Amino acid sequence: NLKTVINQKSINIQFYPFIRKPKAFLWEDIKKIELTKYQ
């Protein structure tokens, strides 16, 4: 399963069972974001 949690501090993802502890992507490290359709 893929778990995504977005809060004021970061974007966190966990791809169980391969990524057991959430990976945090801090907002301060992000340049831009796009919600898009992809293939």
PDB file of all heavy atoms in Angstrom:
ATOM      1  N   ASN A   1       0.833  -1.194   0.000  1.00  0.00           N
ATOM      2  CA  ASN A   1       0.000   0.000   0.000  1.00  0.00           C
ATOM      3  C   ASN A   1       0.870   1.248   0.000  1.00  0.00           C
ATOM      4  O   ASN A   1       2.021   1.218   0.419  1.00  0.00           O
ATOM      5  CB  ASN A   1      -0.970  -0.007   1.182  1.00  0.00           C
ATOM      6  CG  ASN A   1      -0.283   0.109   2.517  1.00  0.00           C
ATOM      7  OD1 ASN A   1       0.139   1.198   2.914  1.00  0.00           O
ATOM      8  ND2 ASN A   1      -0.158  -1.002   3.219  1.00  0.00           N
ATOM      9  N   LEU A   2       0.292   2.306  -0.505  1.00  0.00           N
ATOM     10  CA  LEU A   2       0.937   3.620  -0.539  1.00  0.00           C
ATOM     11  C   LEU A   2       0.160   4.546   0.380  1.00  0.00           C
ATOM     12  O   LEU A   2      -1.036   4.767   0.177  1.00  0.00           O
ATOM     13  CB  LEU A   2       0.959   4.181  -1.958  1.00  0.00           C
ATOM     14  CG  LEU A   2       1.427   5.628  -2.122  1.00  0.00           C
ATOM     15  CD1 LEU A   2       2.876   5.794  -1.685  1.00  0.00           C
ATOM     16  CD2 LEU A   2       1.263   6.079  -3.574  1.00  0.00           C
ATOM     17  N   LYS A   3       0.843   5.063   1.382  1.00  0.00           N
ATOM     18  CA  LYS A   3       0.210   6.009   2.307  1.00  0.00           C
ATOM     19  C   LYS A   3       0.864   7.369   2.114  1.00  0.00           C
ATOM     20  O   LYS A   3       2.084   7.495   2.161  1.00  0.00           O
ATOM     21  CB  LYS A   3       0.371   5.545   3.752  1.00  0.00           C
ATOM     22  CG  LYS A   3      -0.330   6.448   4.743  1.00  0.00           C
ATOM     23  CD  LYS A   3      -0.214   5.927   6.155  1.00  0.00           C
ATOM     24  CE  LYS A   3      -0.935   6.844   7.128  1.00  0.00           C
ATOM     25  NZ  LYS A   3      -0.788   6.400   8.505  1.00  0.00           N
ATOM     26  N   THR A   4       0.039   8.373   1.881  1.00  0.00           N
ATOM     27  CA  THR A   4       0.499   9.749   1.711  1.00  0.00           C
ATOM     28  C   THR A   4      -0.146  10.604   2.801  1.00  0.00           C
ATOM     29  O   THR A   4      -1.363  10.558   2.981  1.00  0.00           O
ATOM     30  CB  THR A   4       0.100  10.300   0.326  1.00  0.00           C
ATOM     31  OG1 THR A   4       0.558   9.411  -0.681  1.00  0.00           O
ATOM     32  CG2 THR A   4       0.661  11.682   0.094  1.00  0.00           C
ATOM     33  N   VAL A   5       0.681  11.346   3.497  1.00  0.00           N
ATOM     34  CA  VAL A   5       0.191  12.286   4.517  1.00  0.00           C
ATOM     35  C   VAL A   5       0.819  13.644   4.216  1.00  0.00           C
ATOM     36  O   VAL A   5       2.034  13.765   4.102  1.00  0.00           O
ATOM     37  CB  VAL A   5       0.552  11.842   5.950  1.00  0.00           C
ATOM     38  CG1 VAL A   5       0.093  12.883   6.963  1.00  0.00           C
ATOM     39  CG2 VAL A   5      -0.041  10.481   6.265  1.00  0.00           C
ATOM     40  N   ILE A   6      -0.034  14.648   4.051  1.00  0.00           N
ATOM     41  CA  ILE A   6       0.441  16.006   3.782  1.00  0.00           C
ATOM     42  C   ILE A   6      -0.015  16.890   4.928  1.00  0.00           C
ATOM     43  O   ILE A   6      -1.199  16.935   5.256  1.00  0.00           O
ATOM     44  CB  ILE A   6      -0.109  16.527   2.442  1.00  0.00           C
ATOM     45  CG1 ILE A   6       0.337  15.611   1.298  1.00  0.00           C
ATOM     46  CG2 ILE A   6       0.342  17.972   2.195  1.00  0.00           C
ATOM     47  CD1 ILE A   6      -0.270  15.943  -0.049  1.00  0.00           C
ATOM     48  N   ASN A   7       0.941  17.586   5.540  1.00  0.00           N
ATOM     49  CA  ASN A   7       0.615  18.513   6.620  1.00  0.00           C
ATOM     50  C   ASN A   7       1.443  19.788   6.466  1.00  0.00           C
ATOM     51  O   ASN A   7       2.193  19.921   5.509  1.00  0.00           O
ATOM     52  CB  ASN A   7       0.826  17.855   7.996  1.00  0.00           C
ATOM     53  CG  ASN A   7       2.231  17.344   8.171  1.00  0.00           C
ATOM     54  OD1 ASN A   7       3.212  17.990   7.800  1.00  0.00           O
ATOM     55  ND2 ASN A   7       2.355  16.152   8.742  1.00  0.00           N
ATOM     56  N   GLN A   8       1.332  20.686   7.397  1.00  0.00           N
ATOM     57  CA  GLN A   8       2.030  21.984   7.330  1.00  0.00           C
ATOM     58  C   GLN A   8       3.554  21.835   7.329  1.00  0.00           C
ATOM     59  O   GLN A   8       4.263  22.717   6.876  1.00  0.00           O
ATOM     60  CB  GLN A   8       1.617  22.865   8.517  1.00  0.00           C
ATOM     61  CG  GLN A   8       0.180  23.331   8.493  1.00  0.00           C
ATOM     62  CD  GLN A   8      -0.094  24.304   7.371  1.00  0.00           C
ATOM     63  OE1 GLN A   8      -0.868  24.000   6.474  1.00  0.00           O
ATOM     64  NE2 GLN A   8       0.521  25.464   7.398  1.00  0.00           N
ATOM     65  N   LYS A   9       4.053  20.749   7.838  1.00  0.00           N
ATOM     66  CA  LYS A   9       5.485  20.544   7.983  1.00  0.00           C
ATOM     67  C   LYS A   9       6.125  19.863   6.770  1.00  0.00           C
ATOM     68  O   LYS A   9       7.226  20.224   6.358  1.00  0.00           O
ATOM     69  CB  LYS A   9       5.730  19.706   9.240  1.00  0.00           C
ATOM     70  CG  LYS A   9       7.148  19.590   9.674  1.00  0.00           C
ATOM     71  CD  LYS A   9       7.200  18.838  11.001  1.00  0.00           C
ATOM     72  CE  LYS A   9       8.597  18.341  11.299  1.00  0.00           C
ATOM     73  NZ  LYS A   9       8.643  17.502  12.479  1.00  0.00           N
ATOM     74  N   SER A  10       5.422  18.846   6.200  1.00  0.00           N
ATOM     75  CA  SER A  10       6.024  18.054   5.144  1.00  0.00           C
ATOM     76  C   SER A  10       5.005  17.215   4.386  1.00  0.00           C
ATOM     77  O   SER A  10       3.838  17.137   4.759  1.00  0.00           O
ATOM     78  CB  SER A  10       7.081  17.120   5.744  1.00  0.00           C
ATOM     79  OG  SER A  10       6.472  16.244   6.677  1.00  0.00           O
ATOM     80  N   ILE A  11       5.504  16.572   3.323  1.00  0.00           N
ATOM     81  CA  ILE A  11       4.756  15.555   2.594  1.00  0.00           C
ATOM     82  C   ILE A  11       5.435  14.234   2.947  1.00  0.00           C
ATOM     83  O   ILE A  11       6.635  14.073   2.751  1.00  0.00           O
ATOM     84  CB  ILE A  11       4.798  15.806   1.076  1.00  0.00           C
ATOM     85  CG1 ILE A  11       4.125  17.132   0.741  1.00  0.00           C
ATOM     86  CG2 ILE A  11       4.136  14.653   0.329  1.00  0.00           C
ATOM     87  CD1 ILE A  11       4.245  17.544  -0.713  1.00  0.00           C
ATOM     88  N   ASN A  12       4.663  13.318   3.494  1.00  0.00           N
ATOM     89  CA  ASN A  12       5.209  12.040   3.962  1.00  0.00           C
ATOM     90  C   ASN A  12       4.636  10.899   3.142  1.00  0.00           C
ATOM     91  O   ASN A  12       3.418  10.850   2.920  1.00  0.00           O
ATOM     92  CB  ASN A  12       4.865  11.819   5.436  1.00  0.00           C
ATOM     93  CG  ASN A  12       5.367  12.951   6.300  1.00  0.00           C
ATOM     94  OD1 ASN A  12       6.543  13.036   6.582  1.00  0.00           O
ATOM     95  ND2 ASN A  12       4.472  13.856   6.685  1.00  0.00           N
ATOM     96  N   ILE A  13       5.514   9.976   2.739  1.00  0.00           N
ATOM     97  CA  ILE A  13       5.047   8.807   2.014  1.00  0.00           C
ATOM     98  C   ILE A  13       5.598   7.551   2.654  1.00  0.00           C
ATOM     99  O   ILE A  13       6.679   7.536   3.227  1.00  0.00           O
ATOM    100  CB  ILE A  13       5.435   8.848   0.519  1.00  0.00           C
ATOM    101  CG1 ILE A  13       6.946   8.955   0.353  1.00  0.00           C
ATOM    102  CG2 ILE A  13       4.732   9.955  -0.211  1.00  0.00           C
ATOM    103  CD1 ILE A  13       7.411   8.306  -0.900  1.00  0.00           C
ATOM    104  N   GLN A  14       4.816   6.512   2.530  1.00  0.00           N
ATOM    105  CA  GLN A  14       5.208   5.198   3.018  1.00  0.00           C
ATOM    106  C   GLN A  14       4.676   4.184   2.013  1.00  0.00           C
ATOM    107  O   GLN A  14       3.482   4.174   1.714  1.00  0.00           O
ATOM    108  CB  GLN A  14       4.596   4.969   4.392  1.00  0.00           C
ATOM    109  CG  GLN A  14       5.043   3.728   5.074  1.00  0.00           C
ATOM    110  CD  GLN A  14       4.463   3.633   6.489  1.00  0.00           C
ATOM    111  OE1 GLN A  14       3.689   4.495   6.925  1.00  0.00           O
ATOM    112  NE2 GLN A  14       4.815   2.591   7.188  1.00  0.00           N
ATOM    113  N   PHE A  15       5.557   3.373   1.441  1.00  0.00           N
ATOM    114  CA  PHE A  15       5.155   2.349   0.470  1.00  0.00           C
ATOM    115  C   PHE A  15       5.438   0.997   1.110  1.00  0.00           C
ATOM    116  O   PHE A  15       6.491   0.408   0.920  1.00  0.00           O
ATOM    117  CB  PHE A  15       5.914   2.516  -0.846  1.00  0.00           C
ATOM    118  CG  PHE A  15       5.209   1.922  -2.023  1.00  0.00           C
ATOM    119  CD1 PHE A  15       4.632   2.726  -2.973  1.00  0.00           C
ATOM    120  CD2 PHE A  15       5.118   0.553  -2.178  1.00  0.00           C
ATOM    121  CE1 PHE A  15       3.978   2.184  -4.068  1.00  0.00           C
ATOM    122  CE2 PHE A  15       4.466  -0.002  -3.256  1.00  0.00           C
ATOM    123  CZ  PHE A  15       3.894   0.813  -4.206  1.00  0.00           C
ATOM    124  N   TYR A  16       4.460   0.549   1.906  1.00  0.00           N
ATOM    125  CA  TYR A  16       4.626  -0.679   2.669  1.00  0.00           C
ATOM    126  C   TYR A  16       4.563  -1.886   1.744  1.00  0.00           C
ATOM    127  O   TYR A  16       3.732  -1.902   0.842  1.00  0.00           O
ATOM    128  CB  TYR A  16       3.522  -0.768   3.735  1.00  0.00           C
ATOM    129  CG  TYR A  16       3.694  -1.930   4.660  1.00  0.00           C
ATOM    130  CD1 TYR A  16       4.523  -1.842   5.763  1.00  0.00           C
ATOM    131  CD2 TYR A  16       3.049  -3.135   4.425  1.00  0.00           C
ATOM    132  CE1 TYR A  16       4.703  -2.924   6.614  1.00  0.00           C
ATOM    133  CE2 TYR A  16       3.222  -4.215   5.261  1.00  0.00           C
ATOM    134  CZ  TYR A  16       4.047  -4.104   6.344  1.00  0.00           C
ATOM    135  OH  TYR A  16       4.231  -5.174   7.176  1.00  0.00           O
ATOM    136  N   PRO A  17       5.377  -2.890   1.883  1.00  0.00           N
ATOM    137  CA  PRO A  17       6.361  -3.174   2.909  1.00  0.00           C
ATOM    138  C   PRO A  17       7.782  -2.715   2.552  1.00  0.00           C
ATOM    139  O   PRO A  17       8.713  -2.950   3.309  1.00  0.00           O
ATOM    140  CB  PRO A  17       6.314  -4.703   3.006  1.00  0.00           C
ATOM    141  CG  PRO A  17       6.035  -5.156   1.627  1.00  0.00           C
ATOM    142  CD  PRO A  17       5.137  -4.080   1.045  1.00  0.00           C
ATOM    143  N   PHE A  18       7.952  -2.058   1.427  1.00  0.00           N
ATOM    144  CA  PHE A  18       9.289  -1.660   0.972  1.00  0.00           C
ATOM    145  C   PHE A  18       9.839  -0.461   1.730  1.00  0.00           C
ATOM    146  O   PHE A  18      11.030  -0.379   1.995  1.00  0.00           O
ATOM    147  CB  PHE A  18       9.283  -1.382  -0.533  1.00  0.00           C
ATOM    148  CG  PHE A  18       8.761  -2.550  -1.320  1.00  0.00           C
ATOM    149  CD1 PHE A  18       7.520  -2.496  -1.922  1.00  0.00           C
ATOM    150  CD2 PHE A  18       9.495  -3.710  -1.413  1.00  0.00           C
ATOM    151  CE1 PHE A  18       7.037  -3.582  -2.634  1.00  0.00           C
ATOM    152  CE2 PHE A  18       9.023  -4.811  -2.114  1.00  0.00           C
ATOM    153  CZ  PHE A  18       7.784  -4.743  -2.730  1.00  0.00           C
ATOM    154  N   ILE A  19       8.983   0.490   2.030  1.00  0.00           N
ATOM    155  CA  ILE A  19       9.372   1.657   2.836  1.00  0.00           C
ATOM    156  C   ILE A  19       8.491   1.609   4.078  1.00  0.00           C
ATOM    157  O   ILE A  19       7.336   2.004   4.045  1.00  0.00           O
ATOM    158  CB  ILE A  19       9.165   2.974   2.052  1.00  0.00           C
ATOM    159  CG1 ILE A  19       9.979   2.966   0.770  1.00  0.00           C
ATOM    160  CG2 ILE A  19       9.539   4.160   2.923  1.00  0.00           C
ATOM    161  CD1 ILE A  19       9.682   4.115  -0.161  1.00  0.00           C
ATOM    162  N   ARG A  20       9.042   1.120   5.170  1.00  0.00           N
ATOM    163  CA  ARG A  20       8.255   0.903   6.383  1.00  0.00           C
ATOM    164  C   ARG A  20       8.102   2.166   7.215  1.00  0.00           C
ATOM    165  O   ARG A  20       7.064   2.393   7.807  1.00  0.00           O
ATOM    166  CB  ARG A  20       8.880  -0.198   7.222  1.00  0.00           C
ATOM    167  CG  ARG A  20       8.750  -1.540   6.553  1.00  0.00           C
ATOM    168  CD  ARG A  20       9.387  -2.628   7.348  1.00  0.00           C
ATOM    169  NE  ARG A  20       9.312  -3.861   6.594  1.00  0.00           N
ATOM    170  CZ  ARG A  20       9.101  -5.029   7.143  1.00  0.00           C
ATOM    171  NH1 ARG A  20       8.947  -5.140   8.430  1.00  0.00           N
ATOM    172  NH2 ARG A  20       9.055  -6.095   6.391  1.00  0.00           N
ATOM    173  N   LYS A  21       9.149   2.974   7.262  1.00  0.00           N
ATOM    174  CA  LYS A  21       9.073   4.238   7.994  1.00  0.00           C
ATOM    175  C   LYS A  21       8.782   5.340   6.985  1.00  0.00           C
ATOM    176  O   LYS A  21       9.392   5.380   5.915  1.00  0.00           O
ATOM    177  CB  LYS A  21      10.390   4.524   8.720  1.00  0.00           C
ATOM    178  CG  LYS A  21      10.691   3.552   9.822  1.00  0.00           C
ATOM    179  CD  LYS A  21      11.990   3.894  10.515  1.00  0.00           C
ATOM    180  CE  LYS A  21      12.292   2.871  11.593  1.00  0.00           C
ATOM    181  NZ  LYS A  21      13.583   3.128  12.228  1.00  0.00           N
ATOM    182  N   PRO A  22       7.877   6.247   7.307  1.00  0.00           N
ATOM    183  CA  PRO A  22       7.541   7.310   6.350  1.00  0.00           C
ATOM    184  C   PRO A  22       8.757   8.149   5.950  1.00  0.00           C
ATOM    185  O   PRO A  22       9.588   8.487   6.782  1.00  0.00           O
ATOM    186  CB  PRO A  22       6.529   8.173   7.114  1.00  0.00           C
ATOM    187  CG  PRO A  22       5.989   7.277   8.176  1.00  0.00           C
ATOM    188  CD  PRO A  22       7.092   6.332   8.536  1.00  0.00           C
ATOM    189  N   LYS A  23       8.824   8.443   4.641  1.00  0.00           N
ATOM    190  CA  LYS A  23       9.832   9.370   4.121  1.00  0.00           C
ATOM    191  C   LYS A  23       9.208  10.748   4.143  1.00  0.00           C
ATOM    192  O   LYS A  23       8.111  10.948   3.629  1.00  0.00           O
ATOM    193  CB  LYS A  23      10.175   9.041   2.665  1.00  0.00           C
ATOM    194  CG  LYS A  23      11.207   8.014   2.455  1.00  0.00           C
ATOM    195  CD  LYS A  23      11.543   7.959   0.966  1.00  0.00           C
ATOM    196  CE  LYS A  23      12.662   7.007   0.700  1.00  0.00           C
ATOM    197  NZ  LYS A  23      12.997   6.943  -0.718  1.00  0.00           N
ATOM    198  N   ALA A  24       9.909  11.704   4.717  1.00  0.00           N
ATOM    199  CA  ALA A  24       9.387  13.068   4.818  1.00  0.00           C
ATOM    200  C   ALA A  24      10.090  13.965   3.802  1.00  0.00           C
ATOM    201  O   ALA A  24      11.312  13.967   3.705  1.00  0.00           O
ATOM    202  CB  ALA A  24       9.585  13.607   6.220  1.00  0.00           C
ATOM    203  N   PHE A  25       9.294  14.699   3.043  1.00  0.00           N
ATOM    204  CA  PHE A  25       9.802  15.700   2.115  1.00  0.00           C
ATOM    205  C   PHE A  25       9.369  17.062   2.651  1.00  0.00           C
ATOM    206  O   PHE A  25       8.179  17.385   2.647  1.00  0.00           O
ATOM    207  CB  PHE A  25       9.261  15.451   0.703  1.00  0.00           C
ATOM    208  CG  PHE A  25       9.627  14.093   0.173  1.00  0.00           C
ATOM    209  CD1 PHE A  25       8.733  13.041   0.239  1.00  0.00           C
ATOM    210  CD2 PHE A  25      10.885  13.853  -0.368  1.00  0.00           C
ATOM    211  CE1 PHE A  25       9.067  11.777  -0.235  1.00  0.00           C
ATOM    212  CE2 PHE A  25      11.231  12.596  -0.841  1.00  0.00           C
ATOM    213  CZ  PHE A  25      10.327  11.560  -0.769  1.00  0.00           C
ATOM    214  N   LEU A  26      10.321  17.815   3.138  1.00  0.00           N
ATOM    215  CA  LEU A  26      10.030  19.101   3.773  1.00  0.00           C
ATOM    216  C   LEU A  26       9.648  20.145   2.730  1.00  0.00           C
ATOM    217  O   LEU A  26      10.204  20.176   1.627  1.00  0.00           O
ATOM    218  CB  LEU A  26      11.245  19.569   4.577  1.00  0.00           C
ATOM    219  CG  LEU A  26      11.726  18.630   5.681  1.00  0.00           C
ATOM    220  CD1 LEU A  26      12.997  19.160   6.328  1.00  0.00           C
ATOM    221  CD2 LEU A  26      10.634  18.407   6.725  1.00  0.00           C
ATOM    222  N   TRP A  27       8.730  21.023   3.108  1.00  0.00           N
ATOM    223  CA  TRP A  27       8.278  22.082   2.212  1.00  0.00           C
ATOM    224  C   TRP A  27       9.440  22.983   1.797  1.00  0.00           C
ATOM    225  O   TRP A  27       9.483  23.442   0.664  1.00  0.00           O
ATOM    226  CB  TRP A  27       7.172  22.909   2.868  1.00  0.00           C
ATOM    227  CG  TRP A  27       5.893  22.132   3.005  1.00  0.00           C
ATOM    228  CD1 TRP A  27       5.371  21.604   4.152  1.00  0.00           C
ATOM    229  CD2 TRP A  27       5.004  21.764   1.956  1.00  0.00           C
ATOM    230  NE1 TRP A  27       4.207  20.941   3.874  1.00  0.00           N
ATOM    231  CE2 TRP A  27       3.952  21.029   2.534  1.00  0.00           C
ATOM    232  CE3 TRP A  27       4.977  21.992   0.589  1.00  0.00           C
ATOM    233  CZ2 TRP A  27       2.890  20.510   1.792  1.00  0.00           C
ATOM    234  CZ3 TRP A  27       3.928  21.474  -0.163  1.00  0.00           C
ATOM    235  CH2 TRP A  27       2.896  20.750   0.435  1.00  0.00           C
ATOM    236  N   GLU A  28      10.382  23.202   2.677  1.00  0.00           N
ATOM    237  CA  GLU A  28      11.500  24.103   2.374  1.00  0.00           C
ATOM    238  C   GLU A  28      12.414  23.560   1.272  1.00  0.00           C
ATOM    239  O   GLU A  28      13.185  24.313   0.687  1.00  0.00           O
ATOM    240  CB  GLU A  28      12.307  24.387   3.637  1.00  0.00           C
ATOM    241  CG  GLU A  28      12.903  23.145   4.261  1.00  0.00           C
ATOM    242  CD  GLU A  28      13.147  23.270   5.749  1.00  0.00           C
ATOM    243  OE1 GLU A  28      12.302  23.859   6.444  1.00  0.00           O
ATOM    244  OE2 GLU A  28      14.183  22.765   6.199  1.00  0.00           O
ATOM    245  N   ASP A  29      12.309  22.253   0.975  1.00  0.00           N
ATOM    246  CA  ASP A  29      13.131  21.639  -0.076  1.00  0.00           C
ATOM    247  C   ASP A  29      12.426  21.602  -1.438  1.00  0.00           C
ATOM    248  O   ASP A  29      13.014  21.184  -2.431  1.00  0.00           O
ATOM    249  CB  ASP A  29      13.520  20.213   0.322  1.00  0.00           C
ATOM    250  CG  ASP A  29      14.380  20.175   1.573  1.00  0.00           C
ATOM    251  OD1 ASP A  29      15.132  21.155   1.807  1.00  0.00           O
ATOM    252  OD2 ASP A  29      14.298  19.184   2.314  1.00  0.00           O
ATOM    253  N   ILE A  30      11.162  22.022  -1.460  1.00  0.00           N
ATOM    254  CA  ILE A  30      10.357  21.940  -2.682  1.00  0.00           C
ATOM    255  C   ILE A  30      10.352  23.284  -3.411  1.00  0.00           C
ATOM    256  O   ILE A  30      10.087  24.323  -2.809  1.00  0.00           O
ATOM    257  CB  ILE A  30       8.919  21.492  -2.350  1.00  0.00           C
ATOM    258  CG1 ILE A  30       8.960  20.091  -1.704  1.00  0.00           C
ATOM    259  CG2 ILE A  30       8.047  21.491  -3.595  1.00  0.00           C
ATOM    260  CD1 ILE A  30       7.642  19.620  -1.139  1.00  0.00           C
ATOM    261  N   LYS A  31      10.638  23.218  -4.709  1.00  0.00           N
ATOM    262  CA  LYS A  31      10.666  24.422  -5.538  1.00  0.00           C
ATOM    263  C   LYS A  31       9.270  24.751  -6.084  1.00  0.00           C
ATOM    264  O   LYS A  31       8.834  25.895  -6.058  1.00  0.00           O
ATOM    265  CB  LYS A  31      11.644  24.227  -6.707  1.00  0.00           C
ATOM    266  CG  LYS A  31      11.788  25.442  -7.604  1.00  0.00           C
ATOM    267  CD  LYS A  31      12.956  25.304  -8.573  1.00  0.00           C
ATOM    268  CE  LYS A  31      12.654  24.306  -9.651  1.00  0.00           C
ATOM    269  NZ  LYS A  31      13.682  24.239 -10.700  1.00  0.00           N
ATOM    270  N   LYS A  32       8.567  23.722  -6.598  1.00  0.00           N
ATOM    271  CA  LYS A  32       7.208  23.915  -7.099  1.00  0.00           C
ATOM    272  C   LYS A  32       6.480  22.575  -7.112  1.00  0.00           C
ATOM    273  O   LYS A  32       7.105  21.515  -7.032  1.00  0.00           O
ATOM    274  CB  LYS A  32       7.199  24.546  -8.492  1.00  0.00           C
ATOM    275  CG  LYS A  32       7.755  23.668  -9.589  1.00  0.00           C
ATOM    276  CD  LYS A  32       7.661  24.356 -10.951  1.00  0.00           C
ATOM    277  CE  LYS A  32       8.175  23.423 -12.035  1.00  0.00           C
ATOM    278  NZ  LYS A  32       7.989  23.960 -13.362  1.00  0.00           N
ATOM    279  N   ILE A  33       5.151  22.639  -7.229  1.00  0.00           N
ATOM    280  CA  ILE A  33       4.306  21.444  -7.219  1.00  0.00           C
ATOM    281  C   ILE A  33       3.263  21.571  -8.315  1.00  0.00           C
ATOM    282  O   ILE A  33       2.760  22.661  -8.592  1.00  0.00           O
ATOM    283  CB  ILE A  33       3.603  21.262  -5.856  1.00  0.00           C
ATOM    284  CG1 ILE A  33       4.636  21.086  -4.746  1.00  0.00           C
ATOM    285  CG2 ILE A  33       2.652  20.080  -5.885  1.00  0.00           C
ATOM    286  CD1 ILE A  33       4.039  20.924  -3.368  1.00  0.00           C
ATOM    287  N   GLU A  34       2.915  20.420  -8.895  1.00  0.00           N
ATOM    288  CA  GLU A  34       1.885  20.398  -9.932  1.00  0.00           C
ATOM    289  C   GLU A  34       0.974  19.196  -9.718  1.00  0.00           C
ATOM    290  O   GLU A  34       1.447  18.085  -9.489  1.00  0.00           O
ATOM    291  CB  GLU A  34       2.547  20.315 -11.311  1.00  0.00           C
ATOM    292  CG  GLU A  34       1.572  20.310 -12.452  1.00  0.00           C
ATOM    293  CD  GLU A  34       2.253  20.198 -13.811  1.00  0.00           C
ATOM    294  OE1 GLU A  34       3.455  19.880 -13.861  1.00  0.00           O
ATOM    295  OE2 GLU A  34       1.563  20.422 -14.818  1.00  0.00           O
ATOM    296  N   LEU A  35      -0.333  19.421  -9.778  1.00  0.00           N
ATOM    297  CA  LEU A  35      -1.316  18.336  -9.780  1.00  0.00           C
ATOM    298  C   LEU A  35      -1.650  18.086 -11.231  1.00  0.00           C
ATOM    299  O   LEU A  35      -2.123  19.000 -11.927  1.00  0.00           O
ATOM    300  CB  LEU A  35      -2.562  18.724  -8.974  1.00  0.00           C
ATOM    301  CG  LEU A  35      -3.637  17.643  -8.825  1.00  0.00           C
ATOM    302  CD1 LEU A  35      -3.088  16.416  -8.103  1.00  0.00           C
ATOM    303  CD2 LEU A  35      -4.845  18.189  -8.089  1.00  0.00           C
ATOM    304  N   THR A  36      -1.381  16.882 -11.711  1.00  0.00           N
ATOM    305  CA  THR A  36      -1.461  16.653 -13.145  1.00  0.00           C
ATOM    306  C   THR A  36      -1.907  15.239 -13.500  1.00  0.00           C
ATOM    307  O   THR A  36      -1.866  14.337 -12.662  1.00  0.00           O
ATOM    308  CB  THR A  36      -0.091  16.947 -13.797  1.00  0.00           C
ATOM    309  OG1 THR A  36      -0.201  16.872 -15.207  1.00  0.00           O
ATOM    310  CG2 THR A  36       0.974  15.965 -13.325  1.00  0.00           C
ATOM    311  N   LYS A  37      -2.292  15.081 -14.748  1.00  0.00           N
ATOM    312  CA  LYS A  37      -2.585  13.769 -15.307  1.00  0.00           C
ATOM    313  C   LYS A  37      -1.289  13.279 -15.946  1.00  0.00           C
ATOM    314  O   LYS A  37      -0.566  14.060 -16.551  1.00  0.00           O
ATOM    315  CB  LYS A  37      -3.692  13.907 -16.355  1.00  0.00           C
ATOM    316  CG  LYS A  37      -4.351  12.636 -16.706  1.00  0.00           C
ATOM    317  CD  LYS A  37      -5.634  12.903 -17.488  1.00  0.00           C
ATOM    318  CE  LYS A  37      -6.394  11.608 -17.522  1.00  0.00           C
ATOM    319  NZ  LYS A  37      -7.800  11.736 -17.539  1.00  0.00           N
ATOM    320  N   TYR A  38      -0.991  12.003 -15.805  1.00  0.00           N
ATOM    321  CA  TYR A  38       0.239  11.452 -16.370  1.00  0.00           C
ATOM    322  C   TYR A  38      -0.007  10.032 -16.852  1.00  0.00           C
ATOM    323  O   TYR A  38      -1.083   9.475 -16.640  1.00  0.00           O
ATOM    324  CB  TYR A  38       1.377  11.503 -15.343  1.00  0.00           C
ATOM    325  CG  TYR A  38       1.225  10.559 -14.164  1.00  0.00           C
ATOM    326  CD1 TYR A  38       2.041   9.438 -14.048  1.00  0.00           C
ATOM    327  CD2 TYR A  38       0.284  10.786 -13.167  1.00  0.00           C
ATOM    328  CE1 TYR A  38       1.909   8.571 -12.976  1.00  0.00           C
ATOM    329  CE2 TYR A  38       0.156   9.927 -12.098  1.00  0.00           C
ATOM    330  CZ  TYR A  38       0.966   8.815 -12.014  1.00  0.00           C
ATOM    331  OH  TYR A  38       0.836   7.958 -10.951  1.00  0.00           O
ATOM    332  N   GLN A  39       0.983   9.454 -17.531  1.00  0.00           N
ATOM    333  CA  GLN A  39       0.868   8.096 -18.048  1.00  0.00           C
ATOM    334  C   GLN A  39       1.882   7.202 -17.314  1.00  0.00           C
ATOM    335  O   GLN A  39       3.055   7.173 -17.686  1.00  0.00           O
ATOM    336  CB  GLN A  39       1.142   8.075 -19.546  1.00  0.00           C
ATOM    337  CG  GLN A  39       0.125   8.874 -20.336  1.00  0.00           C
ATOM    338  CD  GLN A  39       0.475   8.899 -21.811  1.00  0.00           C
ATOM    339  OE1 GLN A  39       1.616   9.151 -22.180  1.00  0.00           O
ATOM    340  NE2 GLN A  39      -0.515   8.623 -22.645  1.00  0.00           N
TER     341      GLN A  39
END
